[in-house]
Amino acid sequence: MAELFDFPQVTFVGIQSLQAGDGFHYYNPDEIVKGKKMSDWLKFSVTYWHTMDQRLVDPFGEGTAVRPWDNQGKPDSMEQALAKVDYLFEFLEKTDVNYFAFHDRDLAPEGHTLAETNKNLDQVIDKIEQKIHETGKKLLWNTSSLFTNKRFLAGGATTPFAEVFAYAAGQIKHSLDIAKRLGSESYVFWGGREGYDFLLNTDTKRELDHIAAFFKLAKDYANEIGYQGQFLIEPKPKEPTQHQYDFDVQTTIAFLKTYGLEDTFKLNLEGNHAYLAGHTYEHEVRFAREAGLLGSLDANMGDKLTGWDIDEFPNDVYEATLVMYEFLKNGGLPTGGLNFDSKARRQSFQADDLFYAHIAGMDTYAAGLKVAAKLIDDQVIENVLKERYASFDSGIGADFEAGKVTLKELATYIENKTDEEINATLKSGRQERIKQTLNNYIFSVLGS
């Protein structure tokens, strides 16, 4: 069978060459990192909506993308939708990626009714299922687009319109059926319009009650059909609504605990969304991990000078190292992975740019994994924290942590100590030294 992409098989070439694009420089699938193959740690995933569907539009211009399937039937036709499946699976094979992810509406054109739309979708799912059996590739997660169609102008599960709410429920039901059929390891709920634009015409309590009930209905149905995949929520602070209900990790955790959903859901986190919330990516991953709710990662970046969600492929080893540190402290992501919710830049419009972009992203996180593993082996960050919080490991600090002192006893202990005595216990945070140590580890590990 003729190859669809005019691009060679991507293999590990090491760092003999500094020219990017000729192979993986740091992603070596068989390399052992902390007792496991790198490929077992790094469950990379290709996204259908960017790699197969994205035309590289921006708010100011039409798409620039040139794709080999453009001549496979009319745009948005069933013929083209079916052709894309062949291209996807060849792309997965050539990049040595084992997973993919999609929204339901990425795959096939919509009909005039939900029944017609489901019929179109199932034709593509039939072909995807066949390809999974033939290749051994896997579905990391799937989700439903409850935000693109006009009907979802005010959300899907938080809409004020009961007919739209029922449509969203029907769409989710079919999407969960697909998850079960294809063996999806997780199922993501991304609330693209689950929020509000104008507070004075929004019953926020009612909308939050509705979306919580919606999630419970979805879980009940998953149990009914025997779908065992992990449910995930993906926080995002804005775009397109003025205020999203799942603003960031801590907001989402509060929502889950308020409605008793913390045992049902974990979180799917994205670097670009962290920026939009005013956080770093490692901040969001840390708080999810410490809450026991880190489920999966969307591997991308945002331009810190741009005010919208640009979904750039990751290339910052510093950030990737800190995210991989949290990842390793979490023991990896048993039902999640590193999903490239990323698109090539508008001026990188050729098909081979899709390969270069994925190679760069995979190398970036492979490099981060290697550095993070060395940091953990040497207990670099752990020793910093141990030294900084040492006063809580003995004396009055240890008594407090053990629950042995009252507020009154703390006040009695401290009331006659002078400012000089208290200030003498302060220690430098050594921030600059720690940053340079991190740089040194990056230079040392990646240069070896």
Protein backbone atom coordinates (compact mmCIF):
# COMPACT_ATOMS: atom_id res chain seq x y z
CA MET A 1 0.00 0.00 0.00
CA ALA A 2 1.36 3.42 -0.98
CA GLU A 3 2.39 5.76 1.80
CA LEU A 4 0.06 8.68 2.40
CA PHE A 5 2.62 11.06 3.96
CA ASP A 6 5.85 11.88 2.20
CA PHE A 7 7.82 11.73 5.45
CA PRO A 8 10.17 9.00 6.72
CA GLN A 9 9.65 6.87 9.82
CA VAL A 10 10.77 8.87 12.85
CA THR A 11 13.37 7.10 15.00
CA PHE A 12 15.69 7.91 17.89
CA VAL A 13 18.94 9.46 16.62
CA GLY A 14 20.40 10.89 19.84
CA ILE A 15 22.30 14.14 20.13
CA GLN A 16 25.06 13.53 17.61
CA SER A 17 23.28 16.02 15.35
CA LEU A 18 21.92 19.33 16.58
CA GLN A 19 19.70 19.77 13.52
CA ALA A 20 16.09 19.37 14.63
CA GLY A 21 13.66 17.28 12.66
CA ASP A 22 15.83 14.37 11.55
CA GLY A 23 14.60 12.19 14.42
CA PHE A 24 14.12 12.09 18.17
CA HIS A 25 17.04 13.54 20.09
CA TYR A 26 15.77 12.78 23.61
CA TYR A 27 12.72 10.56 23.19
CA ASN A 28 14.15 7.04 23.22
CA PRO A 29 11.17 4.69 23.73
CA ASP A 30 13.29 1.86 25.13
CA GLU A 31 15.40 3.94 27.53
CA ILE A 32 14.81 2.99 31.16
CA VAL A 33 13.87 5.89 33.43
CA LYS A 34 13.23 5.06 37.08
CA GLY A 35 12.57 1.40 36.33
CA LYS A 36 10.24 1.83 33.32
CA LYS A 37 10.64 2.33 29.61
CA MET A 38 10.30 5.93 28.52
CA SER A 39 7.44 4.90 26.24
CA ASP A 40 5.58 3.47 29.24
CA TRP A 41 5.92 6.74 31.16
CA LEU A 42 5.17 9.03 28.23
CA LYS A 43 1.85 8.00 26.71
CA PHE A 44 1.87 10.58 23.94
CA SER A 45 -1.38 11.24 22.09
CA VAL A 46 -2.24 12.95 18.79
CA THR A 47 -5.32 15.15 18.77
CA TYR A 48 -7.78 14.79 15.93
CA TRP A 49 -9.07 18.36 16.14
CA HIS A 50 -5.69 19.97 15.60
CA THR A 51 -3.65 17.49 13.59
CA MET A 52 -6.43 16.35 11.27
CA ASP A 53 -8.95 19.23 11.30
CA GLN A 54 -7.17 22.46 12.16
CA ARG A 55 -6.85 24.78 9.15
CA LEU A 56 -4.56 27.23 11.02
CA VAL A 57 -7.10 30.02 11.20
CA ASP A 58 -6.73 32.87 13.65
CA PRO A 59 -9.14 35.67 14.67
CA PHE A 60 -7.89 37.78 11.76
CA GLY A 61 -7.53 35.42 8.84
CA GLU A 62 -8.60 32.31 6.98
CA GLY A 63 -6.78 29.01 7.20
CA THR A 64 -3.37 28.48 5.63
CA ALA A 65 -2.99 24.71 6.11
CA VAL A 66 -2.12 22.50 3.12
CA ARG A 67 -3.05 18.89 3.85
CA PRO A 68 -2.73 15.77 1.69
CA TRP A 69 -6.36 14.81 2.32
CA ASP A 70 -7.67 18.10 0.91
CA ASN A 71 -8.33 16.38 -2.42
CA GLN A 72 -10.11 13.41 -0.80
CA GLY A 73 -13.67 14.57 -1.42
CA LYS A 74 -15.29 17.90 -0.65
CA PRO A 75 -14.48 19.68 2.62
CA ASP A 76 -16.56 18.39 5.53
CA SER A 77 -17.86 15.50 3.43
CA MET A 78 -18.18 11.91 4.60
CA GLU A 79 -15.68 10.90 1.93
CA GLN A 80 -13.05 13.21 3.39
CA ALA A 81 -13.95 12.24 6.96
CA LEU A 82 -13.32 8.56 6.18
CA ALA A 83 -10.09 9.34 4.32
CA LYS A 84 -8.68 11.22 7.33
CA VAL A 85 -8.78 8.02 9.40
CA ASP A 86 -6.17 6.41 7.13
CA TYR A 87 -3.95 9.47 7.39
CA LEU A 88 -4.27 9.56 11.19
CA PHE A 89 -3.18 5.99 11.67
CA GLU A 90 -0.23 6.33 9.30
CA PHE A 91 0.78 9.48 11.18
CA LEU A 92 0.61 7.59 14.50
CA GLU A 93 2.76 4.81 13.05
CA LYS A 94 5.40 7.12 11.57
CA THR A 95 5.75 9.21 14.73
CA ASP A 96 5.75 6.15 17.03
CA VAL A 97 2.77 7.53 18.97
CA ASN A 98 0.42 4.92 20.43
CA TYR A 99 -2.58 7.06 21.41
CA PHE A 100 -5.00 9.56 19.92
CA ALA A 101 -7.93 11.67 21.19
CA PHE A 102 -10.96 13.33 19.61
CA HIS A 103 -14.16 15.31 20.07
CA ASP A 104 -17.17 13.60 18.53
CA ARG A 105 -17.70 16.46 16.08
CA ASP A 106 -14.10 16.27 14.85
CA LEU A 107 -14.85 13.05 13.03
CA ALA A 108 -17.91 13.52 10.83
CA PRO A 109 -20.29 16.23 9.55
CA GLU A 110 -23.48 16.90 11.47
CA GLY A 111 -26.91 15.97 10.09
CA HIS A 112 -30.26 17.71 10.59
CA THR A 113 -31.10 15.61 13.66
CA LEU A 114 -29.08 13.95 16.37
CA ALA A 115 -30.01 10.58 14.85
CA GLU A 116 -28.58 11.61 11.46
CA THR A 117 -25.45 12.98 13.09
CA ASN A 118 -24.95 9.78 15.07
CA LYS A 119 -25.31 7.75 11.86
CA ASN A 120 -22.56 9.79 10.17
CA LEU A 121 -20.36 9.53 13.22
CA ASP A 122 -20.79 5.77 13.50
CA GLN A 123 -19.51 5.26 9.96
CA VAL A 124 -16.21 6.85 10.94
CA ILE A 125 -16.15 5.02 14.28
CA ASP A 126 -16.55 1.72 12.39
CA LYS A 127 -13.38 2.50 10.45
CA ILE A 128 -11.50 3.72 13.54
CA GLU A 129 -12.42 0.54 15.40
CA GLN A 130 -11.10 -1.54 12.51
CA LYS A 131 -7.84 0.44 12.48
CA ILE A 132 -7.41 0.01 16.23
CA HIS A 133 -7.70 -3.76 15.83
CA GLU A 134 -5.24 -3.75 12.92
CA THR A 135 -2.58 -1.51 14.47
CA GLY A 136 -2.88 -1.84 18.23
CA LYS A 137 -3.16 1.94 18.61
CA LYS A 138 -5.35 3.14 21.49
CA LEU A 139 -7.84 5.87 22.33
CA LEU A 140 -6.49 7.91 25.24
CA TRP A 141 -9.75 9.78 25.68
CA ASN A 142 -12.71 11.16 23.80
CA THR A 143 -15.09 13.99 24.52
CA SER A 144 -18.16 15.79 23.14
CA SER A 145 -18.24 19.17 21.50
CA LEU A 146 -21.02 20.94 23.37
CA PHE A 147 -19.83 24.35 22.24
CA THR A 148 -19.42 24.69 18.45
CA ASN A 149 -23.00 24.45 17.19
CA LYS A 150 -25.32 27.46 17.48
CA ARG A 151 -27.61 25.53 19.83
CA PHE A 152 -24.88 25.69 22.49
CA LEU A 153 -24.60 29.47 22.46
CA ALA A 154 -25.35 29.50 26.21
CA GLY A 155 -23.69 26.19 27.06
CA GLY A 156 -24.70 22.56 27.00
CA ALA A 157 -25.19 21.41 30.58
CA THR A 158 -25.60 24.96 31.93
CA THR A 159 -27.92 26.23 29.18
CA PRO A 160 -31.18 27.91 30.22
CA PHE A 161 -32.96 26.01 27.43
CA ALA A 162 -34.30 22.55 28.30
CA GLU A 163 -34.34 21.34 24.67
CA VAL A 164 -30.64 22.11 24.35
CA PHE A 165 -29.93 20.42 27.69
CA ALA A 166 -31.68 17.28 26.42
CA TYR A 167 -29.67 17.41 23.18
CA ALA A 168 -26.43 17.68 25.19
CA ALA A 169 -27.49 14.66 27.23
CA GLY A 170 -28.22 12.67 24.08
CA GLN A 171 -24.88 13.65 22.57
CA ILE A 172 -23.00 12.63 25.72
CA LYS A 173 -24.83 9.30 25.83
CA HIS A 174 -23.68 8.43 22.32
CA SER A 175 -20.18 9.63 23.07
CA LEU A 176 -19.99 7.36 26.13
CA ASP A 177 -21.20 4.47 23.99
CA ILE A 178 -18.26 5.18 21.67
CA ALA A 179 -15.87 5.36 24.63
CA LYS A 180 -16.98 1.91 25.74
CA ARG A 181 -16.82 0.50 22.21
CA LEU A 182 -13.30 1.79 21.50
CA GLY A 183 -11.86 1.13 24.96
CA SER A 184 -11.18 4.79 25.74
CA GLU A 185 -8.97 4.99 28.82
CA SER A 186 -10.64 8.21 29.99
CA TYR A 187 -13.55 10.46 29.11
CA VAL A 188 -13.10 14.24 29.22
CA PHE A 189 -15.77 16.85 29.96
CA TRP A 190 -14.57 20.15 28.53
CA GLY A 191 -16.99 22.97 29.30
CA GLY A 192 -16.30 25.21 26.34
CA ARG A 193 -19.32 27.42 27.07
CA GLU A 194 -20.21 26.27 30.58
CA GLY A 195 -20.06 29.65 32.24
CA TYR A 196 -21.65 33.06 31.82
CA ASP A 197 -21.19 36.25 29.84
CA PHE A 198 -23.52 38.52 31.84
CA LEU A 199 -24.17 38.00 35.53
CA LEU A 200 -27.49 39.83 35.64
CA ASN A 201 -29.25 37.39 33.29
CA THR A 202 -27.68 34.25 34.79
CA ASP A 203 -28.97 32.07 37.63
CA THR A 204 -25.53 30.81 38.61
CA LYS A 205 -26.73 28.52 41.41
CA ARG A 206 -29.23 26.83 39.12
CA GLU A 207 -26.65 26.39 36.37
CA LEU A 208 -24.12 24.84 38.73
CA ASP A 209 -26.80 22.53 40.13
CA HIS A 210 -27.68 21.52 36.57
CA ILE A 211 -24.15 20.71 35.48
CA ALA A 212 -23.51 18.71 38.65
CA ALA A 213 -26.69 16.72 38.03
CA PHE A 214 -25.64 16.28 34.39
CA PHE A 215 -22.32 14.78 35.48
CA LYS A 216 -24.10 12.38 37.83
CA LEU A 217 -26.43 11.27 35.04
CA ALA A 218 -23.41 10.64 32.81
CA LYS A 219 -21.72 8.57 35.50
CA ASP A 220 -24.90 6.57 36.08
CA TYR A 221 -25.07 5.79 32.37
CA ALA A 222 -21.37 4.84 32.24
CA ASN A 223 -22.01 2.40 35.09
CA GLU A 224 -25.07 1.05 33.27
CA ILE A 225 -23.11 0.18 30.12
CA GLY A 226 -20.03 -1.00 32.01
CA TYR A 227 -17.69 1.78 30.88
CA GLN A 228 -14.77 1.84 33.34
CA GLY A 229 -12.75 4.77 31.96
CA GLN A 230 -11.72 7.63 34.22
CA PHE A 231 -13.97 10.71 34.06
CA LEU A 232 -11.96 13.94 33.66
CA ILE A 233 -12.77 17.66 33.83
CA GLU A 234 -10.54 20.09 31.97
CA PRO A 235 -10.35 23.50 33.69
CA LYS A 236 -10.20 26.64 31.58
CA PRO A 237 -10.54 30.22 32.82
CA LYS A 238 -11.97 32.11 29.84
CA GLU A 239 -12.56 31.91 26.12
CA PRO A 240 -15.20 31.89 25.04
CA THR A 241 -17.29 32.98 28.04
CA GLN A 242 -16.42 35.88 30.28
CA HIS A 243 -16.35 33.54 33.26
CA GLN A 244 -15.96 29.76 33.05
CA TYR A 245 -17.28 27.75 35.99
CA ASP A 246 -14.15 25.53 35.90
CA PHE A 247 -11.74 28.49 36.07
CA ASP A 248 -8.68 26.63 37.36
CA VAL A 249 -7.68 23.61 39.43
CA GLN A 250 -8.66 25.01 42.82
CA THR A 251 -12.02 26.32 41.55
CA THR A 252 -12.77 22.93 40.00
CA ILE A 253 -11.78 21.05 43.15
CA ALA A 254 -14.14 23.26 45.15
CA PHE A 255 -16.96 22.48 42.69
CA LEU A 256 -16.31 18.74 42.87
CA LYS A 257 -16.27 18.72 46.66
CA THR A 258 -19.37 20.91 46.88
CA TYR A 259 -21.38 18.44 44.80
CA GLY A 260 -19.78 15.21 46.06
CA LEU A 261 -18.08 14.43 42.74
CA GLU A 262 -14.47 14.22 43.92
CA ASP A 263 -14.49 10.42 43.80
CA THR A 264 -15.89 10.41 40.26
CA PHE A 265 -13.60 12.87 38.51
CA LYS A 266 -9.93 13.66 38.11
CA LEU A 267 -8.53 16.62 36.17
CA ASN A 268 -7.15 16.95 32.66
CA LEU A 269 -4.81 19.95 32.71
CA GLU A 270 -3.46 22.12 29.92
CA GLY A 271 -0.47 24.44 29.90
CA ASN A 272 -2.15 27.16 27.86
CA HIS A 273 -5.15 27.19 30.19
CA ALA A 274 -2.85 27.62 33.17
CA TYR A 275 -1.41 30.78 31.60
CA LEU A 276 -4.88 32.18 30.92
CA ALA A 277 -5.75 31.64 34.59
CA GLY A 278 -2.67 33.58 35.66
CA HIS A 279 -0.79 30.48 36.81
CA THR A 280 2.17 28.45 35.67
CA TYR A 281 1.54 24.96 34.30
CA GLU A 282 3.50 23.37 37.15
CA HIS A 283 1.32 25.28 39.66
CA GLU A 284 -1.84 23.67 38.30
CA VAL A 285 -0.26 20.21 38.14
CA ARG A 286 1.05 20.53 41.72
CA PHE A 287 -2.34 21.43 43.19
CA ALA A 288 -4.10 18.66 41.29
CA ARG A 289 -1.49 16.11 42.38
CA GLU A 290 -1.64 17.10 46.02
CA ALA A 291 -5.43 16.78 45.95
CA GLY A 292 -5.10 13.28 44.47
CA LEU A 293 -6.94 14.45 41.34
CA LEU A 294 -4.23 14.55 38.65
CA GLY A 295 -5.64 12.53 35.78
CA SER A 296 -4.12 13.54 32.43
CA LEU A 297 -2.15 16.32 30.74
CA ASP A 298 -2.66 18.29 27.56
CA ALA A 299 0.86 19.09 26.43
CA ASN A 300 0.94 22.56 24.93
CA MET A 301 2.08 26.11 25.60
CA GLY A 302 0.71 29.59 25.23
CA ASP A 303 2.50 32.76 24.23
CA LYS A 304 2.67 34.82 27.41
CA LEU A 305 2.39 37.98 25.31
CA THR A 306 -0.80 36.87 23.55
CA GLY A 307 -4.18 37.07 25.25
CA TRP A 308 -5.85 34.02 23.77
CA ASP A 309 -5.56 30.25 23.65
CA ILE A 310 -2.97 29.65 20.91
CA ASP A 311 -2.19 25.97 21.67
CA GLU A 312 1.48 26.07 20.71
CA PHE A 313 3.48 22.83 20.69
CA PRO A 314 5.62 22.62 23.87
CA ASN A 315 9.26 23.57 23.50
CA ASP A 316 10.21 24.89 26.97
CA VAL A 317 12.40 22.27 28.68
CA TYR A 318 12.42 24.27 31.93
CA GLU A 319 8.62 24.10 32.18
CA ALA A 320 8.50 20.49 30.99
CA THR A 321 11.00 19.51 33.71
CA LEU A 322 8.87 21.03 36.47
CA VAL A 323 5.70 19.43 35.10
CA MET A 324 7.46 16.06 34.79
CA TYR A 325 8.68 16.40 38.39
CA GLU A 326 5.05 16.55 39.54
CA PHE A 327 4.19 13.78 37.06
CA LEU A 328 6.82 11.44 38.54
CA LYS A 329 5.85 12.33 42.11
CA ASN A 330 2.33 11.28 41.08
CA GLY A 331 3.64 7.92 39.87
CA GLY A 332 2.78 8.87 36.28
CA LEU A 333 -0.74 8.92 34.89
CA PRO A 334 -2.25 5.42 35.03
CA THR A 335 -5.31 6.25 32.89
CA GLY A 336 -4.01 9.48 31.37
CA GLY A 337 -1.22 10.62 29.10
CA LEU A 338 0.45 13.54 27.37
CA ASN A 339 -2.02 14.66 24.74
CA PHE A 340 -0.77 17.17 22.16
CA ASP A 341 -3.65 19.62 22.23
CA SER A 342 -1.36 21.67 20.04
CA LYS A 343 -1.29 23.07 16.54
CA ALA A 344 1.52 24.14 14.28
CA ARG A 345 1.94 27.88 13.81
CA ARG A 346 -0.02 29.61 11.06
CA GLN A 347 3.10 30.07 8.93
CA SER A 348 4.07 26.39 9.40
CA PHE A 349 1.41 25.29 6.96
CA GLN A 350 2.93 22.28 5.19
CA ALA A 351 2.09 18.68 6.09
CA ASP A 352 5.67 17.90 7.16
CA ASP A 353 5.38 20.65 9.78
CA LEU A 354 2.96 18.34 11.61
CA PHE A 355 5.81 15.86 12.01
CA TYR A 356 8.39 18.44 13.06
CA ALA A 357 5.98 19.85 15.64
CA HIS A 358 5.25 16.47 17.23
CA ILE A 359 8.94 15.52 17.25
CA ALA A 360 9.73 18.77 19.07
CA GLY A 361 6.95 18.23 21.61
CA MET A 362 7.93 14.62 22.30
CA ASP A 363 11.60 15.53 22.68
CA THR A 364 10.74 18.40 25.04
CA TYR A 365 8.82 16.18 27.46
CA ALA A 366 11.31 13.32 27.14
CA ALA A 367 14.06 15.77 28.11
CA GLY A 368 11.95 17.06 30.99
CA LEU A 369 11.34 13.51 32.19
CA LYS A 370 15.09 12.73 32.25
CA VAL A 371 15.95 15.87 34.19
CA ALA A 372 13.05 15.43 36.63
CA ALA A 373 14.11 11.83 37.31
CA LYS A 374 17.64 12.99 38.18
CA LEU A 375 16.27 15.75 40.44
CA ILE A 376 14.20 13.16 42.31
CA ASP A 377 17.05 10.65 42.50
CA ASP A 378 19.24 13.34 44.08
CA GLN A 379 16.37 14.61 46.29
CA VAL A 380 17.12 18.17 45.19
CA ILE A 381 13.70 19.73 45.76
CA GLU A 382 12.91 17.42 48.68
CA ASN A 383 16.05 18.60 50.49
CA VAL A 384 15.18 22.24 49.83
CA LEU A 385 11.74 21.72 51.39
CA LYS A 386 13.10 19.69 54.29
CA GLU A 387 15.55 22.45 55.21
CA ARG A 388 13.05 25.27 54.80
CA TYR A 389 10.35 23.65 56.96
CA ALA A 390 12.70 22.12 59.52
CA SER A 391 11.23 24.19 62.36
CA PHE A 392 8.02 22.14 62.09
CA ASP A 393 9.95 18.88 62.61
CA SER A 394 10.87 19.54 66.24
CA GLY A 395 9.87 21.65 69.23
CA ILE A 396 6.73 23.78 69.09
CA GLY A 397 6.36 23.26 65.33
CA ALA A 398 6.25 19.47 65.68
CA ASP A 399 3.81 19.77 68.59
CA PHE A 400 1.51 21.89 66.41
CA GLU A 401 1.60 19.44 63.52
CA ALA A 402 0.85 16.58 65.90
CA GLY A 403 -2.20 18.46 67.19
CA LYS A 404 -0.77 18.73 70.69
CA VAL A 405 -1.09 22.49 71.22
CA THR A 406 -3.98 24.92 71.46
CA LEU A 407 -4.12 28.49 70.18
CA LYS A 408 -3.71 29.67 73.77
CA GLU A 409 -0.61 27.54 74.25
CA LEU A 410 0.93 28.91 71.05
CA ALA A 411 0.26 32.44 72.27
CA THR A 412 1.83 31.68 75.66
CA TYR A 413 4.90 30.15 73.98
CA ILE A 414 5.59 33.20 71.81
CA GLU A 415 4.37 36.18 73.82
CA ASN A 416 7.67 37.01 75.58
CA LYS A 417 10.04 36.32 72.69
CA THR A 418 11.65 39.43 71.21
CA ASP A 419 11.65 40.41 67.55
CA GLU A 420 15.38 39.70 67.48
CA GLU A 421 14.83 36.15 68.74
CA ILE A 422 12.09 35.49 66.22
CA ASN A 423 13.98 37.05 63.29
CA ALA A 424 17.04 34.97 64.17
CA THR A 425 15.08 31.86 63.21
CA LEU A 426 14.41 33.09 59.67
CA LYS A 427 16.36 31.49 56.82
CA SER A 428 16.89 32.56 53.23
CA GLY A 429 14.65 31.01 50.60
CA ARG A 430 17.69 30.67 48.29
CA GLN A 431 15.48 31.23 45.23
CA GLU A 432 18.29 32.29 42.91
CA ARG A 433 20.48 29.39 44.00
CA ILE A 434 17.65 26.89 43.45
CA LYS A 435 16.97 28.24 39.95
CA GLN A 436 20.63 27.95 39.03
CA THR A 437 20.73 24.42 40.41
CA LEU A 438 17.79 23.55 38.18
CA ASN A 439 19.59 25.07 35.20
CA ASN A 440 22.71 23.07 36.03
CA TYR A 441 20.72 19.82 36.11
CA ILE A 442 19.16 20.62 32.74
CA PHE A 443 22.57 21.38 31.20
CA SER A 444 24.21 18.33 32.78
CA VAL A 445 21.54 15.70 32.06
CA LEU A 446 20.79 16.79 28.51
CA GLY A 447 24.43 17.28 27.63
CA SER A 448 25.37 13.74 28.64
